[in-house]
C-alpha atoms as a PDB file:
ATOM      1  CA  MET A   1       0.000   0.000   0.000  1.00  0.00           C
ATOM      2  CA  PRO A   2       1.543   3.376  -0.997  1.00  0.00           C
ATOM      3  CA  LYS A   3       2.224   5.882   1.723  1.00  0.00           C
ATOM      4  CA  LYS A   4       0.112   8.999   1.771  1.00  0.00           C
ATOM      5  CA  SER A   5       1.940  12.289   1.830  1.00  0.00           C
ATOM      6  CA  VAL A   6       0.880  14.525   4.617  1.00  0.00           C
ATOM      7  CA  ALA A   7       1.011  18.301   4.397  1.00  0.00           C
ATOM      8  CA  ARG A   8       1.981  20.001   7.605  1.00  0.00           C
ATOM      9  CA  VAL A   9       1.344  23.605   8.340  1.00  0.00           C
ATOM     10  CA  ALA A  10       3.792  25.201  10.701  1.00  0.00           C
ATOM     11  CA  SER A  11       2.671  28.140  12.717  1.00  0.00           C
ATOM     12  CA  ALA A  12       4.946  30.725  14.229  1.00  0.00           C
ATOM     13  CA  PRO A  13       5.893  29.975  17.800  1.00  0.00           C
ATOM     14  CA  PRO A  14       4.362  32.187  20.435  1.00  0.00           C
ATOM     15  CA  PRO A  15       6.479  35.176  21.431  1.00  0.00           C
ATOM     16  CA  PRO A  16       8.785  34.459  24.351  1.00  0.00           C
ATOM     17  CA  THR A  17       7.673  35.463  27.798  1.00  0.00           C
ATOM     18  CA  PRO A  18       9.563  38.416  29.296  1.00  0.00           C
ATOM     19  CA  ALA A  19      11.529  36.028  31.518  1.00  0.00           C
ATOM     20  CA  ILE A  20      12.625  33.894  28.557  1.00  0.00           C
ATOM     21  CA  ALA A  21      13.469  36.969  26.487  1.00  0.00           C
ATOM     22  CA  GLU A  22      15.610  38.280  29.342  1.00  0.00           C
ATOM     23  CA  VAL A  23      17.604  35.021  29.460  1.00  0.00           C
ATOM     24  CA  LEU A  24      17.996  34.876  25.678  1.00  0.00           C
ATOM     25  CA  LEU A  25      19.330  38.437  25.588  1.00  0.00           C
ATOM     26  CA  SER A  26      21.588  38.092  28.627  1.00  0.00           C
ATOM     27  CA  SER A  27      25.275  38.779  28.060  1.00  0.00           C
ATOM     28  CA  GLN A  28      26.211  35.477  29.671  1.00  0.00           C
ATOM     29  CA  PHE A  29      24.032  33.514  27.224  1.00  0.00           C
ATOM     30  CA  LEU A  30      25.075  35.492  24.133  1.00  0.00           C
ATOM     31  CA  GLU A  31      28.768  35.199  24.984  1.00  0.00           C
ATOM     32  CA  SER A  32      28.460  31.415  25.369  1.00  0.00           C
ATOM     33  CA  ILE A  33      27.489  31.112  21.689  1.00  0.00           C
ATOM     34  CA  PRO A  34      30.522  30.714  19.384  1.00  0.00           C
ATOM     35  CA  ASP A  35      28.826  32.542  16.479  1.00  0.00           C
ATOM     36  CA  ALA A  36      28.177  36.237  15.941  1.00  0.00           C
ATOM     37  CA  ILE A  37      24.734  37.105  17.303  1.00  0.00           C
ATOM     38  CA  VAL A  38      22.829  40.311  16.605  1.00  0.00           C
ATOM     39  CA  ALA A  39      19.535  40.727  18.473  1.00  0.00           C
ATOM     40  CA  VAL A  40      17.129  43.142  16.805  1.00  0.00           C
ATOM     41  CA  GLN A  41      13.682  44.524  17.507  1.00  0.00           C
ATOM     42  CA  HIS A  42      10.867  43.950  15.027  1.00  0.00           C
ATOM     43  CA  ASP A  43      11.735  47.253  13.309  1.00  0.00           C
ATOM     44  CA  GLY A  44      15.356  46.216  12.688  1.00  0.00           C
ATOM     45  CA  THR A  45      16.923  48.219  15.535  1.00  0.00           C
ATOM     46  CA  ILE A  46      19.891  46.434  17.109  1.00  0.00           C
ATOM     47  CA  VAL A  47      19.400  45.853  20.831  1.00  0.00           C
ATOM     48  CA  ARG A  48      22.323  43.563  21.689  1.00  0.00           C
ATOM     49  CA  VAL A  49      25.396  42.000  20.090  1.00  0.00           C
ATOM     50  CA  ASN A  50      28.023  39.608  21.381  1.00  0.00           C
ATOM     51  CA  SER A  51      31.821  39.957  21.195  1.00  0.00           C
ATOM     52  CA  GLN A  52      31.973  37.594  18.201  1.00  0.00           C
ATOM     53  CA  THR A  53      29.878  40.146  16.277  1.00  0.00           C
ATOM     54  CA  GLU A  54      32.256  42.909  17.307  1.00  0.00           C
ATOM     55  CA  ALA A  55      35.244  40.875  16.057  1.00  0.00           C
ATOM     56  CA  LEU A  56      33.552  39.901  12.795  1.00  0.00           C
ATOM     57  CA  PHE A  57      32.327  43.349  11.785  1.00  0.00           C
ATOM     58  CA  GLY A  58      34.897  45.537  13.533  1.00  0.00           C
ATOM     59  CA  TYR A  59      32.355  47.622  15.444  1.00  0.00           C
ATOM     60  CA  ARG A  60      32.154  47.977  19.213  1.00  0.00           C
ATOM     61  CA  SER A  61      28.835  47.180  20.868  1.00  0.00           C
ATOM     62  CA  GLY A  62      28.142  50.848  21.591  1.00  0.00           C
ATOM     63  CA  GLU A  63      28.494  51.673  17.901  1.00  0.00           C
ATOM     64  CA  LEU A  64      25.823  49.125  16.923  1.00  0.00           C
ATOM     65  CA  VAL A  65      23.160  49.222  19.637  1.00  0.00           C
ATOM     66  CA  GLY A  66      20.384  51.579  18.616  1.00  0.00           C
ATOM     67  CA  LYS A  67      21.334  51.471  14.924  1.00  0.00           C
ATOM     68  CA  LYS A  68      19.420  49.665  12.174  1.00  0.00           C
ATOM     69  CA  ILE A  69      20.618  46.200  11.129  1.00  0.00           C
ATOM     70  CA  GLU A  70      21.385  47.572   7.661  1.00  0.00           C
ATOM     71  CA  ILE A  71      24.575  49.076   9.095  1.00  0.00           C
ATOM     72  CA  LEU A  72      26.034  45.559   8.887  1.00  0.00           C
ATOM     73  CA  VAL A  73      25.017  45.034   5.249  1.00  0.00           C
ATOM     74  CA  PRO A  74      27.508  46.302   2.648  1.00  0.00           C
ATOM     75  CA  GLU A  75      26.077  49.300   0.769  1.00  0.00           C
ATOM     76  CA  ARG A  76      26.161  47.470  -2.557  1.00  0.00           C
ATOM     77  CA  PHE A  77      23.709  44.899  -1.154  1.00  0.00           C
ATOM     78  CA  ARG A  78      21.315  47.389   0.432  1.00  0.00           C
ATOM     79  CA  PRO A  79      18.030  48.115  -1.325  1.00  0.00           C
ATOM     80  CA  GLN A  80      18.203  51.237  -3.423  1.00  0.00           C
ATOM     81  CA  ALA A  81      15.705  53.910  -2.414  1.00  0.00           C
END
């Protein structure tokens, strides 16, 4: 008997609770990750980066926090207005 294919619809996970968000954005957690991490708000504003991000892009944390994520995208790849 042939197997039936099953379509699955994935829904977005619920937003994290404030307690979970606080842990995920903690410096201790972000620094434990070996990759560059950039945490942004829904509007693209950078709220936190780890030291791997600083090393990769050559910016200090204070130069990135509060800026739009596009600052990390080379100008030639940015959408033209």
